[in-house]
Amino acid sequence: MNILIRNLPRRVTETELRQLFTPYGEITALNIVMDPQTRTSKGFGFVEMPEVKQAKAAIHGLNGKKIDGQAIRVKSTLARKK
C-alpha cells in the first residue's frame, strides 16, 4: 500500500521517516519529495508497505503525530470509491 505523508517538517530526513514507519512493518520504498532547485524538502513524502494490515496500522498510529511541533497527516493514496 502506498502511503502519503504531508506536513512534514522540512528538516526531516528519509532515515528519520523510516524510523517512524519501521515499527509498523516492512517498508519496500520510501522517499521525501525534494525541490530540484533548492534541494530541500517540499514537506511531503511517500512510503510503500507491502502488507495492507501493517500499512493501515501505520496510518492509524502516525496520523496526527507531532514532529518538531507539526502534526503530520498520513493517509493511503488509494482513491476512495463513492
PDB file of N, CA and C in Angstrom:
ATOM      1  N   MET A   1       0.855  -1.179   0.000  1.00  0.00           N
ATOM      2  CA  MET A   1       0.000   0.000   0.000  1.00  0.00           C
ATOM      3  C   MET A   1       0.897   1.238   0.000  1.00  0.00           C
ATOM      4  N   ASN A   2       0.537   2.187  -0.829  1.00  0.00           N
ATOM      5  CA  ASN A   2       1.284   3.428  -0.915  1.00  0.00           C
ATOM      6  C   ASN A   2       0.673   4.435   0.063  1.00  0.00           C
ATOM      7  N   ILE A   3       1.508   5.058   0.868  1.00  0.00           N
ATOM      8  CA  ILE A   3       1.073   5.980   1.914  1.00  0.00           C
ATOM      9  C   ILE A   3       1.662   7.362   1.641  1.00  0.00           C
ATOM     10  N   LEU A   4       0.817   8.369   1.751  1.00  0.00           N
ATOM     11  CA  LEU A   4       1.231   9.769   1.595  1.00  0.00           C
ATOM     12  C   LEU A   4       1.401  10.383   2.975  1.00  0.00           C
ATOM     13  N   ILE A   5       2.515  11.069   3.181  1.00  0.00           N
ATOM     14  CA  ILE A   5       2.768  11.784   4.431  1.00  0.00           C
ATOM     15  C   ILE A   5       2.899  13.255   4.086  1.00  0.00           C
ATOM     16  N   ARG A   6       2.018  14.070   4.661  1.00  0.00           N
ATOM     17  CA  ARG A   6       2.037  15.510   4.392  1.00  0.00           C
ATOM     18  C   ARG A   6       2.361  16.267   5.673  1.00  0.00           C
ATOM     19  N   ASN A   7       2.691  17.529   5.499  1.00  0.00           N
ATOM     20  CA  ASN A   7       3.017  18.437   6.605  1.00  0.00           C
ATOM     21  C   ASN A   7       4.268  17.992   7.365  1.00  0.00           C
ATOM     22  N   LEU A   8       5.214  17.395   6.642  1.00  0.00           N
ATOM     23  CA  LEU A   8       6.485  17.016   7.257  1.00  0.00           C
ATOM     24  C   LEU A   8       7.335  18.258   7.489  1.00  0.00           C
ATOM     25  N   PRO A   9       7.953  18.363   8.648  1.00  0.00           N
ATOM     26  CA  PRO A   9       8.911  19.449   8.826  1.00  0.00           C
ATOM     27  C   PRO A   9      10.003  19.323   7.755  1.00  0.00           C
ATOM     28  N   ARG A  10      10.443  20.416   7.238  1.00  0.00           N
ATOM     29  CA  ARG A  10      11.378  20.410   6.109  1.00  0.00           C
ATOM     30  C   ARG A  10      12.743  19.807   6.453  1.00  0.00           C
ATOM     31  N   ARG A  11      13.060  19.702   7.712  1.00  0.00           N
ATOM     32  CA  ARG A  11      14.358  19.155   8.108  1.00  0.00           C
ATOM     33  C   ARG A  11      14.346  17.636   8.283  1.00  0.00           C
ATOM     34  N   VAL A  12      13.181  17.000   8.248  1.00  0.00           N
ATOM     35  CA  VAL A  12      13.085  15.549   8.434  1.00  0.00           C
ATOM     36  C   VAL A  12      13.788  14.824   7.286  1.00  0.00           C
ATOM     37  N   THR A  13      14.592  13.830   7.646  1.00  0.00           N
ATOM     38  CA  THR A  13      15.337  13.058   6.648  1.00  0.00           C
ATOM     39  C   THR A  13      14.609  11.749   6.340  1.00  0.00           C
ATOM     40  N   GLU A  14      15.018  11.089   5.263  1.00  0.00           N
ATOM     41  CA  GLU A  14      14.451   9.791   4.924  1.00  0.00           C
ATOM     42  C   GLU A  14      14.744   8.769   6.013  1.00  0.00           C
ATOM     43  N   THR A  15      15.901   8.866   6.636  1.00  0.00           N
ATOM     44  CA  THR A  15      16.254   7.958   7.734  1.00  0.00           C
ATOM     45  C   THR A  15      15.278   8.135   8.895  1.00  0.00           C
ATOM     46  N   GLU A  16      14.970   9.374   9.245  1.00  0.00           N
ATOM     47  CA  GLU A  16      14.023   9.635  10.333  1.00  0.00           C
ATOM     48  C   GLU A  16      12.621   9.153   9.978  1.00  0.00           C
ATOM     49  N   LEU A  17      12.224   9.337   8.736  1.00  0.00           N
ATOM     50  CA  LEU A  17      10.914   8.880   8.294  1.00  0.00           C
ATOM     51  C   LEU A  17      10.847   7.352   8.350  1.00  0.00           C
ATOM     52  N   ARG A  18      11.909   6.699   7.935  1.00  0.00           N
ATOM     53  CA  ARG A  18      11.979   5.236   8.007  1.00  0.00           C
ATOM     54  C   ARG A  18      11.847   4.763   9.456  1.00  0.00           C
ATOM     55  N   GLN A  19      12.492   5.469  10.379  1.00  0.00           N
ATOM     56  CA  GLN A  19      12.416   5.098  11.796  1.00  0.00           C
ATOM     57  C   GLN A  19      10.990   5.220  12.332  1.00  0.00           C
ATOM     58  N   LEU A  20      10.214   6.154  11.808  1.00  0.00           N
ATOM     59  CA  LEU A  20       8.821   6.297  12.226  1.00  0.00           C
ATOM     60  C   LEU A  20       7.979   5.106  11.779  1.00  0.00           C
ATOM     61  N   PHE A  21       8.211   4.630  10.565  1.00  0.00           N
ATOM     62  CA  PHE A  21       7.367   3.591   9.982  1.00  0.00           C
ATOM     63  C   PHE A  21       7.837   2.170  10.275  1.00  0.00           C
ATOM     64  N   THR A  22       9.101   1.950  10.522  1.00  0.00           N
ATOM     65  CA  THR A  22       9.643   0.612  10.732  1.00  0.00           C
ATOM     66  C   THR A  22       8.927  -0.182  11.828  1.00  0.00           C
ATOM     67  N   PRO A  23       8.542   0.414  12.942  1.00  0.00           N
ATOM     68  CA  PRO A  23       7.851  -0.387  13.973  1.00  0.00           C
ATOM     69  C   PRO A  23       6.527  -1.000  13.491  1.00  0.00           C
ATOM     70  N   TYR A  24       5.969  -0.492  12.420  1.00  0.00           N
ATOM     71  CA  TYR A  24       4.688  -0.988  11.920  1.00  0.00           C
ATOM     72  C   TYR A  24       4.841  -2.122  10.914  1.00  0.00           C
ATOM     73  N   GLY A  25       6.031  -2.322  10.370  1.00  0.00           N
ATOM     74  CA  GLY A  25       6.225  -3.419   9.430  1.00  0.00           C
ATOM     75  C   GLY A  25       7.243  -3.101   8.346  1.00  0.00           C
ATOM     76  N   GLU A  26       7.255  -3.979   7.348  1.00  0.00           N
ATOM     77  CA  GLU A  26       8.214  -3.872   6.252  1.00  0.00           C
ATOM     78  C   GLU A  26       7.935  -2.669   5.361  1.00  0.00           C
ATOM     79  N   ILE A  27       8.998  -1.998   4.955  1.00  0.00           N
ATOM     80  CA  ILE A  27       8.925  -0.864   4.038  1.00  0.00           C
ATOM     81  C   ILE A  27       9.662  -1.275   2.766  1.00  0.00           C
ATOM     82  N   THR A  28       8.975  -1.168   1.627  1.00  0.00           N
ATOM     83  CA  THR A  28       9.630  -1.534   0.367  1.00  0.00           C
ATOM     84  C   THR A  28      10.162  -0.325  -0.382  1.00  0.00           C
ATOM     85  N   ALA A  29       9.621   0.854  -0.092  1.00  0.00           N
ATOM     86  CA  ALA A  29      10.111   2.081  -0.727  1.00  0.00           C
ATOM     87  C   ALA A  29       9.750   3.267   0.165  1.00  0.00           C
ATOM     88  N   LEU A  30      10.566   4.291   0.085  1.00  0.00           N
ATOM     89  CA  LEU A  30      10.348   5.483   0.899  1.00  0.00           C
ATOM     90  C   LEU A  30      11.061   6.650   0.237  1.00  0.00           C
ATOM     91  N   ASN A  31      10.386   7.788   0.156  1.00  0.00           N
ATOM     92  CA  ASN A  31      11.091   8.982  -0.317  1.00  0.00           C
ATOM     93  C   ASN A  31      10.396  10.247   0.159  1.00  0.00           C
ATOM     94  N   ILE A  32      11.199  11.258   0.347  1.00  0.00           N
ATOM     95  CA  ILE A  32      10.719  12.603   0.654  1.00  0.00           C
ATOM     96  C   ILE A  32      10.894  13.399  -0.627  1.00  0.00           C
ATOM     97  N   VAL A  33       9.847  14.083  -1.042  1.00  0.00           N
ATOM     98  CA  VAL A  33       9.893  14.849  -2.286  1.00  0.00           C
ATOM     99  C   VAL A  33      10.729  16.112  -2.060  1.00  0.00           C
ATOM    100  N   MET A  34      11.711  16.283  -2.937  1.00  0.00           N
ATOM    101  CA  MET A  34      12.647  17.397  -2.807  1.00  0.00           C
ATOM    102  C   MET A  34      12.467  18.398  -3.943  1.00  0.00           C
ATOM    103  N   ASP A  35      12.693  19.654  -3.640  1.00  0.00           N
ATOM    104  CA  ASP A  35      12.691  20.697  -4.664  1.00  0.00           C
ATOM    105  C   ASP A  35      13.986  20.555  -5.458  1.00  0.00           C
ATOM    106  N   PRO A  36      13.923  20.394  -6.771  1.00  0.00           N
ATOM    107  CA  PRO A  36      15.144  20.169  -7.547  1.00  0.00           C
ATOM    108  C   PRO A  36      16.106  21.363  -7.572  1.00  0.00           C
ATOM    109  N   GLN A  37      15.579  22.556  -7.407  1.00  0.00           N
ATOM    110  CA  GLN A  37      16.445  23.733  -7.456  1.00  0.00           C
ATOM    111  C   GLN A  37      17.137  23.992  -6.125  1.00  0.00           C
ATOM    112  N   THR A  38      16.378  23.921  -5.024  1.00  0.00           N
ATOM    113  CA  THR A  38      16.957  24.229  -3.717  1.00  0.00           C
ATOM    114  C   THR A  38      17.479  23.000  -2.989  1.00  0.00           C
ATOM    115  N   ARG A  39      17.085  21.813  -3.492  1.00  0.00           N
ATOM    116  CA  ARG A  39      17.456  20.544  -2.864  1.00  0.00           C
ATOM    117  C   ARG A  39      16.986  20.450  -1.420  1.00  0.00           C
ATOM    118  N   THR A  40      15.860  21.085  -1.127  1.00  0.00           N
ATOM    119  CA  THR A  40      15.252  20.994   0.200  1.00  0.00           C
ATOM    120  C   THR A  40      13.903  20.289   0.087  1.00  0.00           C
ATOM    121  N   SER A  41      13.452  19.780   1.197  1.00  0.00           N
ATOM    122  CA  SER A  41      12.184  19.059   1.243  1.00  0.00           C
ATOM    123  C   SER A  41      11.019  19.962   0.876  1.00  0.00           C
ATOM    124  N   LYS A  42      10.046  19.386   0.187  1.00  0.00           N
ATOM    125  CA  LYS A  42       8.810  20.110  -0.117  1.00  0.00           C
ATOM    126  C   LYS A  42       7.762  19.892   0.976  1.00  0.00           C
ATOM    127  N   GLY A  43       8.108  19.107   1.998  1.00  0.00           N
ATOM    128  CA  GLY A  43       7.212  18.921   3.130  1.00  0.00           C
ATOM    129  C   GLY A  43       6.255  17.740   2.995  1.00  0.00           C
ATOM    130  N   PHE A  44       6.522  16.856   2.030  1.00  0.00           N
ATOM    131  CA  PHE A  44       5.706  15.654   1.941  1.00  0.00           C
ATOM    132  C   PHE A  44       6.527  14.515   1.349  1.00  0.00           C
ATOM    133  N   GLY A  45       6.010  13.298   1.530  1.00  0.00           N
ATOM    134  CA  GLY A  45       6.719  12.144   1.031  1.00  0.00           C
ATOM    135  C   GLY A  45       5.802  10.936   0.921  1.00  0.00           C
ATOM    136  N   PHE A  46       6.395   9.816   0.538  1.00  0.00           N
ATOM    137  CA  PHE A  46       5.647   8.586   0.329  1.00  0.00           C
ATOM    138  C   PHE A  46       6.375   7.409   0.962  1.00  0.00           C
ATOM    139  N   VAL A  47       5.582   6.472   1.473  1.00  0.00           N
ATOM    140  CA  VAL A  47       6.110   5.219   1.996  1.00  0.00           C
ATOM    141  C   VAL A  47       5.290   4.097   1.373  1.00  0.00           C
ATOM    142  N   GLU A  48       5.967   3.050   0.930  1.00  0.00           N
ATOM    143  CA  GLU A  48       5.290   1.875   0.371  1.00  0.00           C
ATOM    144  C   GLU A  48       5.487   0.713   1.337  1.00  0.00           C
ATOM    145  N   MET A  49       4.353   0.128   1.761  1.00  0.00           N
ATOM    146  CA  MET A  49       4.375  -1.032   2.646  1.00  0.00           C
ATOM    147  C   MET A  49       3.589  -2.155   1.963  1.00  0.00           C
ATOM    148  N   PRO A  50       4.176  -3.356   1.821  1.00  0.00           N
ATOM    149  CA  PRO A  50       3.516  -4.422   1.079  1.00  0.00           C
ATOM    150  C   PRO A  50       2.312  -5.043   1.798  1.00  0.00           C
ATOM    151  N   GLU A  51       2.308  -5.010   3.109  1.00  0.00           N
ATOM    152  CA  GLU A  51       1.218  -5.616   3.885  1.00  0.00           C
ATOM    153  C   GLU A  51       0.177  -4.555   4.238  1.00  0.00           C
ATOM    154  N   VAL A  52      -1.033  -4.726   3.714  1.00  0.00           N
ATOM    155  CA  VAL A  52      -2.104  -3.741   3.911  1.00  0.00           C
ATOM    156  C   VAL A  52      -2.419  -3.547   5.392  1.00  0.00           C
ATOM    157  N   LYS A  53      -2.471  -4.629   6.141  1.00  0.00           N
ATOM    158  CA  LYS A  53      -2.788  -4.537   7.573  1.00  0.00           C
ATOM    159  C   LYS A  53      -1.747  -3.683   8.313  1.00  0.00           C
ATOM    160  N   GLN A  54      -0.477  -3.877   7.990  1.00  0.00           N
ATOM    161  CA  GLN A  54       0.598  -3.099   8.614  1.00  0.00           C
ATOM    162  C   GLN A  54       0.528  -1.634   8.182  1.00  0.00           C
ATOM    163  N   ALA A  55       0.234  -1.421   6.907  1.00  0.00           N
ATOM    164  CA  ALA A  55       0.125  -0.056   6.399  1.00  0.00           C
ATOM    165  C   ALA A  55      -1.019   0.686   7.088  1.00  0.00           C
ATOM    166  N   LYS A  56      -2.149   0.024   7.245  1.00  0.00           N
ATOM    167  CA  LYS A  56      -3.286   0.654   7.928  1.00  0.00           C
ATOM    168  C   LYS A  56      -2.958   0.959   9.382  1.00  0.00           C
ATOM    169  N   ALA A  57      -2.198   0.074  10.025  1.00  0.00           N
ATOM    170  CA  ALA A  57      -1.774   0.320  11.407  1.00  0.00           C
ATOM    171  C   ALA A  57      -0.850   1.540  11.473  1.00  0.00           C
ATOM    172  N   ALA A  58       0.041   1.674  10.489  1.00  0.00           N
ATOM    173  CA  ALA A  58       0.936   2.832  10.443  1.00  0.00           C
ATOM    174  C   ALA A  58       0.153   4.121  10.229  1.00  0.00           C
ATOM    175  N   ILE A  59      -0.813   4.077   9.333  1.00  0.00           N
ATOM    176  CA  ILE A  59      -1.642   5.263   9.071  1.00  0.00           C
ATOM    177  C   ILE A  59      -2.373   5.669  10.347  1.00  0.00           C
ATOM    178  N   HIS A  60      -2.997   4.702  10.988  1.00  0.00           N
ATOM    179  CA  HIS A  60      -3.751   4.981  12.215  1.00  0.00           C
ATOM    180  C   HIS A  60      -2.833   5.473  13.343  1.00  0.00           C
ATOM    181  N   GLY A  61      -1.669   4.851  13.455  1.00  0.00           N
ATOM    182  CA  GLY A  61      -0.756   5.191  14.546  1.00  0.00           C
ATOM    183  C   GLY A  61       0.007   6.488  14.357  1.00  0.00           C
ATOM    184  N   LEU A  62       0.215   6.894  13.112  1.00  0.00           N
ATOM    185  CA  LEU A  62       1.059   8.073  12.869  1.00  0.00           C
ATOM    186  C   LEU A  62       0.297   9.321  12.435  1.00  0.00           C
ATOM    187  N   ASN A  63      -0.916   9.178  11.946  1.00  0.00           N
ATOM    188  CA  ASN A  63      -1.681  10.353  11.520  1.00  0.00           C
ATOM    189  C   ASN A  63      -1.915  11.272  12.718  1.00  0.00           C
ATOM    190  N   GLY A  64      -1.496  12.512  12.595  1.00  0.00           N
ATOM    191  CA  GLY A  64      -1.634  13.490  13.666  1.00  0.00           C
ATOM    192  C   GLY A  64      -0.455  13.543  14.621  1.00  0.00           C
ATOM    193  N   LYS A  65       0.510  12.638  14.465  1.00  0.00           N
ATOM    194  CA  LYS A  65       1.700  12.638  15.333  1.00  0.00           C
ATOM    195  C   LYS A  65       2.470  13.928  15.121  1.00  0.00           C
ATOM    196  N   LYS A  66       2.915  14.503  16.219  1.00  0.00           N
ATOM    197  CA  LYS A  66       3.677  15.749  16.128  1.00  0.00           C
ATOM    198  C   LYS A  66       5.165  15.463  15.988  1.00  0.00           C
ATOM    199  N   ILE A  67       5.744  16.108  14.997  1.00  0.00           N
ATOM    200  CA  ILE A  67       7.183  16.064  14.771  1.00  0.00           C
ATOM    201  C   ILE A  67       7.646  17.508  14.718  1.00  0.00           C
ATOM    202  N   ASP A  68       8.548  17.869  15.608  1.00  0.00           N
ATOM    203  CA  ASP A  68       9.014  19.256  15.707  1.00  0.00           C
ATOM    204  C   ASP A  68       7.842  20.235  15.811  1.00  0.00           C
ATOM    205  N   GLY A  69       6.814  19.842  16.537  1.00  0.00           N
ATOM    206  CA  GLY A  69       5.672  20.722  16.765  1.00  0.00           C
ATOM    207  C   GLY A  69       4.644  20.745  15.645  1.00  0.00           C
ATOM    208  N   GLN A  70       4.871  19.997  14.572  1.00  0.00           N
ATOM    209  CA  GLN A  70       3.940  19.949  13.449  1.00  0.00           C
ATOM    210  C   GLN A  70       3.246  18.598  13.429  1.00  0.00           C
ATOM    211  N   ALA A  71       1.921  18.609  13.335  1.00  0.00           N
ATOM    212  CA  ALA A  71       1.166  17.360  13.225  1.00  0.00           C
ATOM    213  C   ALA A  71       1.208  16.884  11.776  1.00  0.00           C
ATOM    214  N   ILE A  72       1.788  15.703  11.563  1.00  0.00           N
ATOM    215  CA  ILE A  72       1.848  15.162  10.211  1.00  0.00           C
ATOM    216  C   ILE A  72       0.498  14.553   9.841  1.00  0.00           C
ATOM    217  N   ARG A  73       0.226  14.516   8.546  1.00  0.00           N
ATOM    218  CA  ARG A  73      -1.000  13.891   8.039  1.00  0.00           C
ATOM    219  C   ARG A  73      -0.579  12.668   7.230  1.00  0.00           C
ATOM    220  N   VAL A  74      -1.138  11.535   7.593  1.00  0.00           N
ATOM    221  CA  VAL A  74      -0.756  10.271   6.971  1.00  0.00           C
ATOM    222  C   VAL A  74      -2.013   9.595   6.445  1.00  0.00           C
ATOM    223  N   LYS A  75      -1.999   9.245   5.151  1.00  0.00           N
ATOM    224  CA  LYS A  75      -3.174   8.577   4.572  1.00  0.00           C
ATOM    225  C   LYS A  75      -2.768   7.726   3.382  1.00  0.00           C
ATOM    226  N   SER A  76      -3.647   6.812   3.016  1.00  0.00           N
ATOM    227  CA  SER A  76      -3.429   5.968   1.852  1.00  0.00           C
ATOM    228  C   SER A  76      -3.600   6.813   0.589  1.00  0.00           C
ATOM    229  N   THR A  77      -2.867   6.463  -0.444  1.00  0.00           N
ATOM    230  CA  THR A  77      -3.028   7.180  -1.711  1.00  0.00           C
ATOM    231  C   THR A  77      -4.116   6.549  -2.574  1.00  0.00           C
ATOM    232  N   LEU A  78      -4.704   5.449  -2.116  1.00  0.00           N
ATOM    233  CA  LEU A  78      -5.775   4.791  -2.870  1.00  0.00           C
ATOM    234  C   LEU A  78      -7.011   5.692  -2.894  1.00  0.00           C
ATOM    235  N   ALA A  79      -7.612   5.818  -4.070  1.00  0.00           N
ATOM    236  CA  ALA A  79      -8.829   6.624  -4.200  1.00  0.00           C
ATOM    237  C   ALA A  79      -9.977   5.869  -3.557  1.00  0.00           C
ATOM    238  N   ARG A  80     -10.810   6.595  -2.853  1.00  0.00           N
ATOM    239  CA  ARG A  80     -11.992   6.003  -2.233  1.00  0.00           C
ATOM    240  C   ARG A  80     -13.112   5.896  -3.241  1.00  0.00           C
ATOM    241  N   LYS A  81     -13.804   4.762  -3.198  1.00  0.00           N
ATOM    242  CA  LYS A  81     -14.943   4.575  -4.096  1.00  0.00           C
ATOM    243  C   LYS A  81     -16.171   5.242  -3.503  1.00  0.00           C
ATOM    244  N   LYS A  82     -16.970   5.833  -4.378  1.00  0.00           N
ATOM    245  CA  LYS A  82     -18.192   6.501  -3.921  1.00  0.00           C
ATOM    246  C   LYS A  82     -19.361   5.570  -4.029  1.00  0.00           C
TER     247      LYS A  82
END
